[in-house]
Amino acid sequence: MALEYINPEGMHQNPVFSQGIVVPSGARILHVGGQNAVDAEGVIVGKGDIGKQTEQALANMLMVIDAAGGKLENLIKVTLVIQQGIDIRPGFAEWLKVWGPRLNPPTVTALMVVGLANPDYLIEIEAQVLLS
């Protein structure tokens, strides 16, 4: 099943996100719950470091996608929930390392919030992925 990427002329064209994506009828979609910077032992990785926390949260997201038989290039939507006042640029740098030179990026929404479930969390990432 193929995703249809919508990036109309006259809108900002950005290599890190798509403006819209049409999911084919009957598709199986994996909803990845909010992933944060917790390792397998429940320890927060990178306290105070948005880059390290994003790296761990993305690794956790990828583990869930892999466990479901999904592929990174079939991401439909990524939502970034970021603690207010944090410079997200080191986090975006980690995202670019993971996404690489692939075409057709997912849609992306970033939200700044007063706090997350644990005061040491700087970012939480959730995603939707088309499964084949």
C-alpha atoms as a PDB file:
ATOM      1  CA  MET A   1       0.000   0.000   0.000  1.00  0.00           C
ATOM      2  CA  ALA A   2       1.368   3.370  -0.996  1.00  0.00           C
ATOM      3  CA  LEU A   3       0.999   6.617   0.876  1.00  0.00           C
ATOM      4  CA  GLU A   4       0.108   9.743  -1.120  1.00  0.00           C
ATOM      5  CA  TYR A   5       2.156  12.789  -0.105  1.00  0.00           C
ATOM      6  CA  ILE A   6       0.450  16.175  -0.415  1.00  0.00           C
ATOM      7  CA  ASN A   7       2.764  19.196  -0.701  1.00  0.00           C
ATOM      8  CA  PRO A   8       0.844  21.785  -2.747  1.00  0.00           C
ATOM      9  CA  GLU A   9       2.590  24.463  -4.748  1.00  0.00           C
ATOM     10  CA  GLY A  10       2.311  27.814  -3.018  1.00  0.00           C
ATOM     11  CA  MET A  11       3.036  26.263   0.398  1.00  0.00           C
ATOM     12  CA  HIS A  12       6.372  26.045   2.186  1.00  0.00           C
ATOM     13  CA  GLN A  13       8.340  23.034   0.923  1.00  0.00           C
ATOM     14  CA  ASN A  14      10.517  21.519   3.639  1.00  0.00           C
ATOM     15  CA  PRO A  15      12.606  18.330   3.444  1.00  0.00           C
ATOM     16  CA  VAL A  16      11.850  17.401   7.074  1.00  0.00           C
ATOM     17  CA  PHE A  17       8.051  17.261   6.918  1.00  0.00           C
ATOM     18  CA  SER A  18       5.148  16.834   4.491  1.00  0.00           C
ATOM     19  CA  GLN A  19       2.059  19.064   4.523  1.00  0.00           C
ATOM     20  CA  GLY A  20      -0.354  16.127   4.287  1.00  0.00           C
ATOM     21  CA  ILE A  21      -0.465  12.384   3.654  1.00  0.00           C
ATOM     22  CA  VAL A  22      -3.363  10.302   2.335  1.00  0.00           C
ATOM     23  CA  VAL A  23      -3.498   6.793   3.801  1.00  0.00           C
ATOM     24  CA  PRO A  24      -5.010   4.116   1.531  1.00  0.00           C
ATOM     25  CA  SER A  25      -8.320   2.541   2.460  1.00  0.00           C
ATOM     26  CA  GLY A  26      -7.993  -0.644   4.469  1.00  0.00           C
ATOM     27  CA  ALA A  27      -4.471   0.166   5.649  1.00  0.00           C
ATOM     28  CA  ARG A  28      -3.104  -1.163   8.929  1.00  0.00           C
ATOM     29  CA  ILE A  29      -1.761   1.691  11.026  1.00  0.00           C
ATOM     30  CA  LEU A  30       0.485   1.398  14.055  1.00  0.00           C
ATOM     31  CA  HIS A  31      -0.034   4.113  16.681  1.00  0.00           C
ATOM     32  CA  VAL A  32       3.176   4.486  18.684  1.00  0.00           C
ATOM     33  CA  GLY A  33       2.486   5.900  22.129  1.00  0.00           C
ATOM     34  CA  GLY A  34       4.545   8.780  23.469  1.00  0.00           C
ATOM     35  CA  GLN A  35       8.161   7.697  23.764  1.00  0.00           C
ATOM     36  CA  ASN A  36      10.559   9.491  26.062  1.00  0.00           C
ATOM     37  CA  ALA A  37      14.189   9.127  27.088  1.00  0.00           C
ATOM     38  CA  VAL A  38      13.815   6.076  29.317  1.00  0.00           C
ATOM     39  CA  ASP A  39      16.109   3.096  28.727  1.00  0.00           C
ATOM     40  CA  ALA A  40      15.209  -0.585  29.189  1.00  0.00           C
ATOM     41  CA  GLU A  41      15.848  -0.319  32.953  1.00  0.00           C
ATOM     42  CA  GLY A  42      13.580   2.731  33.294  1.00  0.00           C
ATOM     43  CA  VAL A  43      16.486   5.152  33.750  1.00  0.00           C
ATOM     44  CA  ILE A  44      16.198   8.577  32.113  1.00  0.00           C
ATOM     45  CA  VAL A  45      18.936   9.026  29.516  1.00  0.00           C
ATOM     46  CA  GLY A  46      20.428  12.491  29.054  1.00  0.00           C
ATOM     47  CA  LYS A  47      18.928  14.442  31.949  1.00  0.00           C
ATOM     48  CA  GLY A  48      19.024  18.106  30.945  1.00  0.00           C
ATOM     49  CA  ASP A  49      20.191  17.309  27.368  1.00  0.00           C
ATOM     50  CA  ILE A  50      17.490  17.565  24.679  1.00  0.00           C
ATOM     51  CA  GLY A  51      19.758  16.027  22.033  1.00  0.00           C
ATOM     52  CA  LYS A  52      20.465  12.891  24.110  1.00  0.00           C
ATOM     53  CA  GLN A  53      16.833  12.623  25.196  1.00  0.00           C
ATOM     54  CA  THR A  54      15.622  12.907  21.606  1.00  0.00           C
ATOM     55  CA  GLU A  55      18.134  10.257  20.525  1.00  0.00           C
ATOM     56  CA  GLN A  56      16.781   7.837  23.170  1.00  0.00           C
ATOM     57  CA  ALA A  57      13.115   8.650  22.459  1.00  0.00           C
ATOM     58  CA  LEU A  58      13.691   8.044  18.736  1.00  0.00           C
ATOM     59  CA  ALA A  59      15.473   4.757  19.488  1.00  0.00           C
ATOM     60  CA  ASN A  60      12.476   3.690  21.581  1.00  0.00           C
ATOM     61  CA  MET A  61      10.083   4.708  18.787  1.00  0.00           C
ATOM     62  CA  LEU A  62      12.117   2.708  16.263  1.00  0.00           C
ATOM     63  CA  MET A  63      12.047  -0.373  18.532  1.00  0.00           C
ATOM     64  CA  VAL A  64       8.239  -0.245  18.628  1.00  0.00           C
ATOM     65  CA  ILE A  65       8.033   0.216  14.848  1.00  0.00           C
ATOM     66  CA  ASP A  66      10.432  -2.677  14.279  1.00  0.00           C
ATOM     67  CA  ALA A  67       8.557  -4.943  16.721  1.00  0.00           C
ATOM     68  CA  ALA A  68       5.367  -4.362  14.722  1.00  0.00           C
ATOM     69  CA  GLY A  69       7.105  -5.108  11.414  1.00  0.00           C
ATOM     70  CA  GLY A  70       7.010  -1.483  10.279  1.00  0.00           C
ATOM     71  CA  LYS A  71       9.547   0.650   8.446  1.00  0.00           C
ATOM     72  CA  LEU A  72      10.764   4.152   9.200  1.00  0.00           C
ATOM     73  CA  GLU A  73      10.002   5.311   5.653  1.00  0.00           C
ATOM     74  CA  ASN A  74       6.313   4.483   6.256  1.00  0.00           C
ATOM     75  CA  LEU A  75       5.918   7.068   9.028  1.00  0.00           C
ATOM     76  CA  ILE A  76       2.717   9.008   8.506  1.00  0.00           C
ATOM     77  CA  LYS A  77       2.796  11.432  11.416  1.00  0.00           C
ATOM     78  CA  VAL A  78       5.193  12.354  14.206  1.00  0.00           C
ATOM     79  CA  THR A  79       4.170  14.499  17.155  1.00  0.00           C
ATOM     80  CA  LEU A  80       6.879  16.108  19.277  1.00  0.00           C
ATOM     81  CA  VAL A  81       5.870  17.269  22.734  1.00  0.00           C
ATOM     82  CA  ILE A  82       8.634  19.477  24.092  1.00  0.00           C
ATOM     83  CA  GLN A  83       9.057  21.059  27.501  1.00  0.00           C
ATOM     84  CA  GLN A  84       8.534  24.812  27.208  1.00  0.00           C
ATOM     85  CA  GLY A  85      11.685  26.925  27.045  1.00  0.00           C
ATOM     86  CA  ILE A  86      13.879  24.171  25.565  1.00  0.00           C
ATOM     87  CA  ASP A  87      15.912  24.895  22.414  1.00  0.00           C
ATOM     88  CA  ILE A  88      14.735  22.088  20.140  1.00  0.00           C
ATOM     89  CA  ARG A  89      17.514  22.467  17.552  1.00  0.00           C
ATOM     90  CA  PRO A  90      19.700  19.689  19.054  1.00  0.00           C
ATOM     91  CA  GLY A  91      16.616  17.446  19.008  1.00  0.00           C
ATOM     92  CA  PHE A  92      15.904  18.221  15.353  1.00  0.00           C
ATOM     93  CA  ALA A  93      19.550  17.399  14.598  1.00  0.00           C
ATOM     94  CA  GLU A  94      18.972  13.925  16.082  1.00  0.00           C
ATOM     95  CA  TRP A  95      15.817  13.528  13.969  1.00  0.00           C
ATOM     96  CA  LEU A  96      17.783  14.415  10.827  1.00  0.00           C
ATOM     97  CA  LYS A  97      20.370  11.742  11.698  1.00  0.00           C
ATOM     98  CA  VAL A  98      17.596   9.139  11.949  1.00  0.00           C
ATOM     99  CA  TRP A  99      15.594  10.243   8.892  1.00  0.00           C
ATOM    100  CA  GLY A 100      18.678  10.796   6.730  1.00  0.00           C
ATOM    101  CA  PRO A 101      18.309  11.567   3.020  1.00  0.00           C
ATOM    102  CA  ARG A 102      14.977   9.754   2.594  1.00  0.00           C
ATOM    103  CA  LEU A 103      12.316  11.468   0.501  1.00  0.00           C
ATOM    104  CA  ASN A 104       8.684  11.893   1.563  1.00  0.00           C
ATOM    105  CA  PRO A 105       9.010  12.729   5.260  1.00  0.00           C
ATOM    106  CA  PRO A 106       6.019  12.299   7.584  1.00  0.00           C
ATOM    107  CA  THR A 107       3.782  15.106   8.728  1.00  0.00           C
ATOM    108  CA  VAL A 108       5.150  16.664  11.926  1.00  0.00           C
ATOM    109  CA  THR A 109       3.526  18.594  14.746  1.00  0.00           C
ATOM    110  CA  ALA A 110       5.560  20.134  17.565  1.00  0.00           C
ATOM    111  CA  LEU A 111       3.948  21.279  20.794  1.00  0.00           C
ATOM    112  CA  MET A 112       5.553  23.218  23.645  1.00  0.00           C
ATOM    113  CA  VAL A 113       4.096  22.327  27.049  1.00  0.00           C
ATOM    114  CA  VAL A 114       4.680  23.477  30.615  1.00  0.00           C
ATOM    115  CA  GLY A 115       5.708  19.997  31.715  1.00  0.00           C
ATOM    116  CA  LEU A 116       5.670  16.309  30.898  1.00  0.00           C
ATOM    117  CA  ALA A 117       4.878  13.263  33.064  1.00  0.00           C
ATOM    118  CA  ASN A 118       8.272  13.439  34.775  1.00  0.00           C
ATOM    119  CA  PRO A 119       9.952  16.805  35.430  1.00  0.00           C
ATOM    120  CA  ASP A 120      13.214  15.420  33.964  1.00  0.00           C
ATOM    121  CA  TYR A 121      11.586  14.604  30.600  1.00  0.00           C
ATOM    122  CA  LEU A 122      12.360  17.249  27.983  1.00  0.00           C
ATOM    123  CA  ILE A 123      10.641  15.577  25.009  1.00  0.00           C
ATOM    124  CA  GLU A 124       8.080  12.910  24.182  1.00  0.00           C
ATOM    125  CA  ILE A 125       7.560  11.543  20.670  1.00  0.00           C
ATOM    126  CA  GLU A 126       4.536   9.726  19.304  1.00  0.00           C
ATOM    127  CA  ALA A 127       4.026   8.425  15.783  1.00  0.00           C
ATOM    128  CA  GLN A 128       1.681   6.768  13.325  1.00  0.00           C
ATOM    129  CA  VAL A 129       3.127   4.266  10.828  1.00  0.00           C
ATOM    130  CA  LEU A 130       1.618   2.451   7.854  1.00  0.00           C
ATOM    131  CA  LEU A 131       2.178  -1.287   8.211  1.00  0.00           C
ATOM    132  CA  SER A 132       2.404  -3.380   5.048  1.00  0.00           C
END
